[in-house]
Amino acid sequence: MEMAVCMLVIVPVFLYSLFLFDLLRHMLDSQETSLSTAWDYTVLDYEKEPESVATEDGGTTTEAFSGFEMAQAYSRYMYCDHESGIDSYGPGKGPECSADPDSEDHHTDVVAHACWLNPGARQVYCTLDAQAVGAYGVSLHQSFMDTFGRGGLIRCSARLGVQNYLLPESFLPEFSEVKLAKEKQERANGIHRNATGETLPEGHARGDNVYLLPWEQIAILTDTWALTEHADVRPGTAGGRGMHERVTQLYQNEDNSGFTDMSSASERLVNQAISSGLLHDSLRLESQSYRTPGDDPRNPSLAIKPDQSGDGAVEEIEQQGGRQGYFSNEWQDWGRNNNQRSYEARGNWYLGCARSESC
């Protein structure tokens, strides 16, 4: 008698423990899907020109930035079996996702089956809000952002639905009419058919037999102005992976009233000096043959040398009959040397790494 009474508690607890274990595991799978997809956007080349991609209606559209659609599409492909443990990609290479869309080889659970096809569930998708962060309402700033800014605030979300394949809806119905679980599904009917509601009896609402896990959402802000390669610009020359173009865009922008005033004043000053015999006529700023780097204040002339040794970026300039060395950034400012100190201490503050570049 005591055993019979105890079984009223032991059996449901045992069965629900198995189901709860699967449910928690599927929740972690859903979290991994959205989390890993968002972090995939940190390794893309934001300088690369975006490409045209096909749309669902058969047309084409231009990506917000290169790789935006590709990153999430590959993630959906990777997590089509709800987890990243089996990455086979293709028919005959494993149970992940075969060429047959109705294949259920990846459904190997006994207690609870997760499926993206359940009503209310959705595979991982990401959206981009390019203006959510960084827009100050200043025309000069906005024009630079529109020209060079790619990326922005990227939001990724995913949601899994789980169905019951073990628990009875009720236990000892003679003593209780309370349902202990959602409707038990039959494996023989097909996991995907059960998820889409094709096997529902008449009068049943689609979705009533699904445990919808919480939406897993994550947002990541990409550095929309970052250059992915070292800029290497010699004095008076353009190039350098867009660095010269970026400086020119700000310096000569029509919204930069200071440039307009300075430009006209410089021309008057040089013309006056030429008229007074102080400068040679070949130095006239309007001359198309005038190419002396750094002497025309209307054109930016910058020099950047990548720091490849860790000792600071030193640029040597021909000056006063010899070569003088200068730091091309504030690596050493003969004060606090904040850039140098930050570089040397970065291993202490990134993910708890004891050494820089160790993780």
Protein backbone atom coordinates (compact mmCIF):
# COMPACT_ATOMS: atom_id res chain seq x y z
CA MET A 1 0.00 0.00 0.00
CA GLU A 2 2.82 2.41 0.89
CA MET A 3 4.59 1.64 -2.37
CA ALA A 4 1.43 2.25 -4.37
CA VAL A 5 0.88 5.60 -2.68
CA CYS A 6 4.53 6.63 -3.22
CA MET A 7 4.33 5.75 -6.90
CA LEU A 8 1.70 8.46 -7.32
CA VAL A 9 4.53 10.93 -6.73
CA ILE A 10 7.61 9.06 -7.91
CA VAL A 11 6.41 8.23 -11.42
CA PRO A 12 5.34 11.76 -12.43
CA VAL A 13 8.51 13.27 -10.89
CA PHE A 14 10.71 10.82 -12.80
CA LEU A 15 8.96 11.47 -16.10
CA TYR A 16 8.94 15.23 -15.66
CA SER A 17 12.64 15.21 -14.77
CA LEU A 18 13.42 13.67 -18.14
CA PHE A 19 11.22 16.18 -19.94
CA LEU A 20 12.62 19.14 -17.99
CA PHE A 21 16.18 18.09 -18.85
CA ASP A 22 15.40 18.18 -22.57
CA LEU A 23 13.52 21.46 -22.23
CA LEU A 24 16.46 23.18 -20.54
CA ARG A 25 18.89 21.78 -23.11
CA HIS A 26 16.77 23.13 -25.96
CA MET A 27 16.66 26.53 -24.25
CA LEU A 28 20.46 26.61 -24.28
CA ASP A 29 20.41 25.63 -27.96
CA SER A 30 18.14 28.58 -28.71
CA GLN A 31 20.41 30.94 -26.77
CA GLU A 32 23.48 29.67 -28.61
CA THR A 33 21.83 30.26 -31.97
CA SER A 34 21.12 33.96 -31.49
CA LEU A 35 24.27 34.68 -29.49
CA SER A 36 26.74 33.12 -31.92
CA THR A 37 25.04 34.71 -34.93
CA ALA A 38 25.39 38.21 -33.50
CA TRP A 39 29.08 37.68 -32.77
CA ASP A 40 29.67 36.51 -36.34
CA TYR A 41 29.21 40.14 -37.38
CA THR A 42 32.36 41.20 -35.51
CA VAL A 43 34.68 39.53 -38.03
CA LEU A 44 33.25 40.88 -41.30
CA ASP A 45 35.10 43.30 -43.57
CA TYR A 46 33.06 46.49 -43.38
CA GLU A 47 35.22 48.17 -46.00
CA LYS A 48 34.28 45.65 -48.66
CA GLU A 49 31.63 46.83 -51.09
CA PRO A 50 28.21 45.23 -50.49
CA GLU A 51 26.88 42.76 -53.05
CA SER A 52 23.47 42.14 -54.58
CA VAL A 53 21.55 39.24 -53.06
CA ALA A 54 18.40 37.42 -54.15
CA THR A 55 15.11 38.16 -52.40
CA GLU A 56 12.25 35.78 -51.64
CA ASP A 57 10.11 37.25 -54.41
CA GLY A 58 12.75 36.48 -57.03
CA GLY A 59 14.28 39.96 -57.22
CA THR A 60 17.57 41.31 -55.96
CA THR A 61 18.57 43.85 -53.36
CA THR A 62 21.84 45.37 -52.17
CA GLU A 63 23.04 44.31 -48.74
CA ALA A 64 23.36 46.91 -46.00
CA PHE A 65 27.02 45.94 -45.87
CA SER A 66 29.04 43.09 -47.27
CA GLY A 67 28.15 39.82 -45.56
CA PHE A 68 25.07 41.01 -43.68
CA GLU A 69 22.71 38.50 -45.31
CA MET A 70 25.37 35.82 -45.67
CA ALA A 71 26.23 35.69 -41.96
CA GLN A 72 22.69 34.99 -40.80
CA ALA A 73 21.92 32.66 -43.70
CA TYR A 74 24.87 30.43 -42.86
CA SER A 75 23.86 30.54 -39.21
CA ARG A 76 20.35 29.31 -40.07
CA TYR A 77 21.95 26.55 -42.09
CA MET A 78 24.25 25.63 -39.22
CA TYR A 79 21.45 25.58 -36.66
CA CYS A 80 18.77 24.01 -38.83
CA ASP A 81 19.09 20.97 -36.53
CA HIS A 82 18.80 23.32 -33.50
CA GLU A 83 22.39 22.90 -32.27
CA SER A 84 25.99 23.28 -33.41
CA GLY A 85 27.34 19.91 -32.32
CA ILE A 86 26.89 18.24 -35.72
CA ASP A 87 28.08 20.37 -38.62
CA SER A 88 27.87 18.13 -41.66
CA TYR A 89 26.30 20.39 -44.33
CA GLY A 90 24.90 18.30 -47.10
CA PRO A 91 23.28 14.98 -47.97
CA GLY A 92 25.24 11.89 -47.08
CA LYS A 93 27.52 13.78 -44.68
CA GLY A 94 25.58 13.29 -41.48
CA PRO A 95 22.16 13.78 -39.91
CA GLU A 96 22.20 17.57 -39.74
CA CYS A 97 20.26 18.81 -42.77
CA SER A 98 19.82 16.74 -45.89
CA ALA A 99 18.64 17.86 -49.31
CA ASP A 100 15.17 16.51 -48.47
CA PRO A 101 13.32 19.24 -46.52
CA ASP A 102 11.11 16.57 -44.93
CA SER A 103 14.06 14.60 -43.56
CA GLU A 104 13.88 14.06 -39.80
CA ASP A 105 17.29 12.43 -39.37
CA HIS A 106 18.33 15.15 -36.94
CA HIS A 107 15.40 14.44 -34.62
CA THR A 108 16.86 11.86 -32.24
CA ASP A 109 15.30 12.90 -28.91
CA VAL A 110 13.01 10.57 -27.00
CA VAL A 111 11.23 12.86 -24.56
CA ALA A 112 10.87 16.31 -26.17
CA HIS A 113 11.48 17.43 -29.75
CA ALA A 114 12.41 21.01 -30.62
CA CYS A 115 11.54 22.31 -34.05
CA TRP A 116 11.67 25.66 -35.85
CA LEU A 117 8.45 24.71 -37.67
CA ASN A 118 6.29 24.94 -34.54
CA PRO A 119 3.79 27.83 -34.62
CA GLY A 120 5.31 30.85 -32.93
CA ALA A 121 8.87 29.58 -33.36
CA ARG A 122 11.33 31.17 -35.77
CA GLN A 123 14.84 30.52 -36.94
CA VAL A 124 17.44 33.16 -36.20
CA TYR A 125 17.03 36.42 -38.11
CA CYS A 126 18.94 39.66 -37.75
CA THR A 127 17.96 43.24 -38.51
CA LEU A 128 20.08 46.35 -38.86
CA ASP A 129 19.38 49.82 -37.53
CA ALA A 130 22.07 52.03 -39.01
CA GLN A 131 20.79 55.22 -37.36
CA ALA A 132 20.02 53.95 -33.86
CA VAL A 133 23.43 54.87 -32.47
CA GLY A 134 25.82 57.61 -33.48
CA ALA A 135 23.48 60.07 -35.23
CA TYR A 136 23.96 63.49 -33.62
CA GLY A 137 21.86 65.61 -35.95
CA VAL A 138 24.92 67.54 -37.14
CA SER A 139 25.06 67.83 -40.93
CA LEU A 140 28.87 67.54 -41.18
CA HIS A 141 28.87 64.46 -38.96
CA GLN A 142 25.87 62.93 -40.76
CA SER A 143 27.42 63.34 -44.21
CA PHE A 144 30.51 61.46 -43.05
CA MET A 145 28.35 58.75 -41.48
CA ASP A 146 26.29 58.34 -44.66
CA THR A 147 29.43 58.09 -46.80
CA PHE A 148 31.60 55.75 -44.74
CA GLY A 149 29.34 54.28 -42.06
CA ARG A 150 28.33 50.66 -42.54
CA GLY A 151 26.83 48.42 -39.95
CA GLY A 152 25.27 49.86 -36.82
CA LEU A 153 23.06 48.25 -34.19
CA ILE A 154 22.42 44.64 -35.22
CA ARG A 155 19.63 42.75 -33.44
CA CYS A 156 19.38 38.95 -33.69
CA SER A 157 16.54 36.84 -32.32
CA ALA A 158 15.44 33.20 -32.37
CA ARG A 159 12.72 31.12 -30.75
CA LEU A 160 12.27 27.37 -30.46
CA GLY A 161 9.08 25.42 -29.98
CA VAL A 162 9.10 22.09 -28.14
CA GLN A 163 6.53 19.29 -28.22
CA ASN A 164 5.91 16.50 -25.74
CA TYR A 165 6.62 12.93 -26.87
CA LEU A 166 6.60 11.13 -23.50
CA LEU A 167 4.44 12.63 -20.78
CA PRO A 168 0.78 11.67 -20.48
CA GLU A 169 -1.61 14.58 -20.44
CA SER A 170 -2.95 13.45 -17.11
CA PHE A 171 -1.97 10.94 -14.43
CA LEU A 172 -4.61 8.86 -12.65
CA PRO A 173 -7.53 10.79 -14.13
CA GLU A 174 -9.84 9.03 -11.68
CA PHE A 175 -8.49 11.29 -8.96
CA SER A 176 -7.75 14.51 -10.85
CA GLU A 177 -8.94 16.30 -13.97
CA VAL A 178 -5.93 18.65 -14.07
CA LYS A 179 -3.73 18.19 -17.14
CA LEU A 180 -0.08 17.70 -16.29
CA ALA A 181 1.33 18.27 -19.76
CA LYS A 182 0.44 19.40 -23.24
CA GLU A 183 -0.89 16.84 -25.66
CA LYS A 184 1.45 13.90 -26.21
CA GLN A 185 2.58 13.57 -29.83
CA GLU A 186 3.09 10.33 -31.76
CA ARG A 187 6.46 9.88 -33.44
CA ALA A 188 4.86 7.76 -36.14
CA ASN A 189 2.92 10.78 -37.41
CA GLY A 190 6.18 12.61 -38.22
CA ILE A 191 7.95 15.26 -36.16
CA HIS A 192 7.60 17.96 -38.81
CA ARG A 193 3.97 17.14 -39.51
CA ASN A 194 3.21 17.36 -35.81
CA ALA A 195 5.01 20.71 -35.63
CA THR A 196 3.14 22.22 -38.55
CA GLY A 197 -0.20 20.96 -37.29
CA GLU A 198 -0.96 18.60 -40.17
CA THR A 199 -1.84 15.78 -37.77
CA LEU A 200 -4.13 17.76 -35.48
CA PRO A 201 -7.58 16.30 -34.89
CA GLU A 202 -10.56 18.39 -35.90
CA GLY A 203 -11.35 21.11 -33.41
CA HIS A 204 -7.79 21.46 -32.09
CA ALA A 205 -6.08 24.83 -32.38
CA ARG A 206 -2.62 24.86 -33.92
CA GLY A 207 -0.11 25.78 -31.23
CA ASP A 208 -2.04 24.50 -28.23
CA ASN A 209 0.30 21.51 -27.98
CA VAL A 210 3.58 23.46 -28.17
CA TYR A 211 5.88 24.67 -25.40
CA LEU A 212 7.18 27.96 -26.81
CA LEU A 213 10.52 28.85 -25.28
CA PRO A 214 11.28 32.53 -24.58
CA TRP A 215 12.54 34.74 -27.38
CA GLU A 216 16.33 34.78 -27.33
CA GLN A 217 17.40 38.27 -28.35
CA ILE A 218 20.78 39.94 -28.49
CA ALA A 219 22.03 43.17 -29.99
CA ILE A 220 25.57 44.09 -30.93
CA LEU A 221 26.96 47.43 -32.06
CA THR A 222 29.51 47.26 -34.85
CA ASP A 223 32.12 49.97 -35.31
CA THR A 224 30.71 51.41 -38.50
CA TRP A 225 33.73 53.59 -39.26
CA ALA A 226 36.48 51.10 -38.49
CA LEU A 227 39.22 50.37 -41.02
CA THR A 228 40.07 46.68 -41.08
CA GLU A 229 43.63 47.03 -42.35
CA HIS A 230 46.55 49.22 -41.31
CA ALA A 231 46.57 52.60 -43.01
CA ASP A 232 49.94 53.36 -44.62
CA VAL A 233 49.97 56.83 -46.13
CA ARG A 234 53.03 58.75 -47.26
CA PRO A 235 53.09 62.55 -46.96
CA GLY A 236 51.23 64.30 -49.74
CA THR A 237 49.70 61.16 -51.30
CA ALA A 238 46.20 59.74 -51.28
CA GLY A 239 45.24 56.16 -50.55
CA GLY A 240 45.86 54.21 -47.39
CA ARG A 241 42.67 52.11 -47.34
CA GLY A 242 40.38 55.15 -47.33
CA MET A 243 42.09 57.18 -44.62
CA HIS A 244 42.99 60.05 -46.96
CA GLU A 245 39.49 60.03 -48.46
CA ARG A 246 37.92 60.19 -45.01
CA VAL A 247 40.02 63.16 -43.94
CA THR A 248 39.30 64.92 -47.24
CA GLN A 249 35.57 64.36 -46.90
CA LEU A 250 35.51 66.15 -43.54
CA TYR A 251 38.09 68.79 -44.33
CA GLN A 252 36.64 69.93 -47.67
CA ASN A 253 32.98 69.36 -46.84
CA GLU A 254 30.66 72.16 -47.88
CA ASP A 255 29.25 72.21 -44.34
CA ASN A 256 32.71 73.07 -43.03
CA SER A 257 32.46 76.85 -43.20
CA GLY A 258 35.96 77.22 -41.84
CA PHE A 259 37.39 75.50 -44.92
CA THR A 260 35.53 77.82 -47.29
CA ASP A 261 36.77 80.93 -45.48
CA MET A 262 40.33 79.62 -45.21
CA SER A 263 40.46 78.53 -48.83
CA SER A 264 39.55 81.91 -50.28
CA ALA A 265 41.82 83.73 -47.82
CA SER A 266 44.75 81.45 -48.75
CA GLU A 267 44.29 82.16 -52.44
CA ARG A 268 44.27 85.92 -51.81
CA LEU A 269 47.38 85.68 -49.64
CA VAL A 270 49.37 83.66 -52.18
CA ASN A 271 48.28 85.86 -55.09
CA GLN A 272 49.32 88.93 -53.15
CA ALA A 273 52.72 87.40 -52.40
CA ILE A 274 53.21 86.54 -56.08
CA SER A 275 52.24 90.08 -57.11
CA SER A 276 54.75 91.46 -54.62
CA GLY A 277 57.50 89.25 -55.99
CA LEU A 278 57.79 87.23 -52.81
CA LEU A 279 56.68 83.95 -54.44
CA HIS A 280 57.27 82.49 -57.90
CA ASP A 281 54.29 82.49 -60.24
CA SER A 282 54.41 78.66 -60.44
CA LEU A 283 53.23 78.53 -56.82
CA ARG A 284 49.88 80.03 -57.71
CA LEU A 285 47.20 77.87 -56.01
CA GLU A 286 44.91 77.90 -59.03
CA SER A 287 47.57 76.21 -61.17
CA GLN A 288 46.70 72.63 -62.17
CA SER A 289 50.41 71.76 -62.19
CA TYR A 290 50.77 72.67 -58.52
CA ARG A 291 51.52 69.39 -56.76
CA THR A 292 53.84 70.27 -53.86
CA PRO A 293 52.62 68.10 -50.95
CA GLY A 294 51.66 69.91 -47.80
CA ASP A 295 52.06 73.45 -49.13
CA ASP A 296 48.50 73.84 -50.39
CA PRO A 297 46.33 74.38 -47.30
CA ARG A 298 43.19 73.48 -49.28
CA ASN A 299 44.28 69.85 -49.67
CA PRO A 300 44.93 67.67 -46.63
CA SER A 301 48.34 66.06 -46.46
CA LEU A 302 48.72 63.33 -43.89
CA ALA A 303 51.26 60.65 -43.05
CA ILE A 304 50.42 57.46 -41.18
CA LYS A 305 52.74 54.57 -40.61
CA PRO A 306 51.34 51.33 -39.17
CA ASP A 307 52.78 50.25 -35.84
CA GLN A 308 54.10 46.76 -36.56
CA SER A 309 56.79 46.54 -33.91
CA GLY A 310 54.89 47.63 -30.82
CA ASP A 311 57.29 50.53 -30.27
CA GLY A 312 55.00 53.21 -31.64
CA ALA A 313 54.47 54.43 -35.19
CA VAL A 314 57.44 56.64 -36.10
CA GLU A 315 57.38 58.64 -39.33
CA GLU A 316 60.62 60.12 -40.68
CA ILE A 317 60.31 63.42 -42.53
CA GLU A 318 62.94 65.16 -44.66
CA GLN A 319 63.60 68.36 -42.79
CA GLN A 320 66.41 70.91 -42.50
CA GLY A 321 68.86 68.88 -44.53
CA GLY A 322 68.25 65.64 -42.65
CA ARG A 323 65.60 63.19 -41.52
CA GLN A 324 63.64 63.87 -38.36
CA GLY A 325 61.52 61.23 -36.58
CA TYR A 326 57.99 61.97 -35.40
CA PHE A 327 55.24 59.83 -33.93
CA SER A 328 52.31 59.81 -36.36
CA ASN A 329 49.88 59.41 -33.47
CA GLU A 330 49.81 60.19 -29.78
CA TRP A 331 51.74 56.99 -28.93
CA GLN A 332 54.11 59.10 -26.89
CA ASP A 333 53.03 62.60 -26.02
CA TRP A 334 55.84 63.15 -23.53
CA GLY A 335 53.22 63.34 -20.82
CA ARG A 336 51.04 60.43 -19.77
CA ASN A 337 51.59 58.39 -22.97
CA ASN A 338 48.05 57.03 -22.74
CA ASN A 339 48.11 55.15 -26.05
CA GLN A 340 51.31 53.33 -25.19
CA ARG A 341 50.08 52.44 -21.72
CA SER A 342 46.73 51.20 -23.07
CA TYR A 343 48.50 48.97 -25.59
CA GLU A 344 50.77 47.48 -22.94
CA ALA A 345 47.89 46.85 -20.52
CA ARG A 346 45.27 45.53 -22.95
CA GLY A 347 45.81 41.92 -21.88
CA ASN A 348 44.72 42.82 -18.36
CA TRP A 349 41.33 44.12 -19.40
CA TYR A 350 40.12 41.92 -22.25
CA LEU A 351 38.14 38.84 -21.14
CA GLY A 352 40.46 38.39 -18.19
CA CYS A 353 43.42 37.42 -20.37
CA ALA A 354 46.73 37.47 -18.56
CA ARG A 355 48.65 38.18 -21.78
CA SER A 356 47.69 40.29 -24.77
CA GLU A 357 46.50 38.29 -27.80
CA SER A 358 46.23 35.15 -25.65
CA CYS A 359 42.49 34.79 -26.23
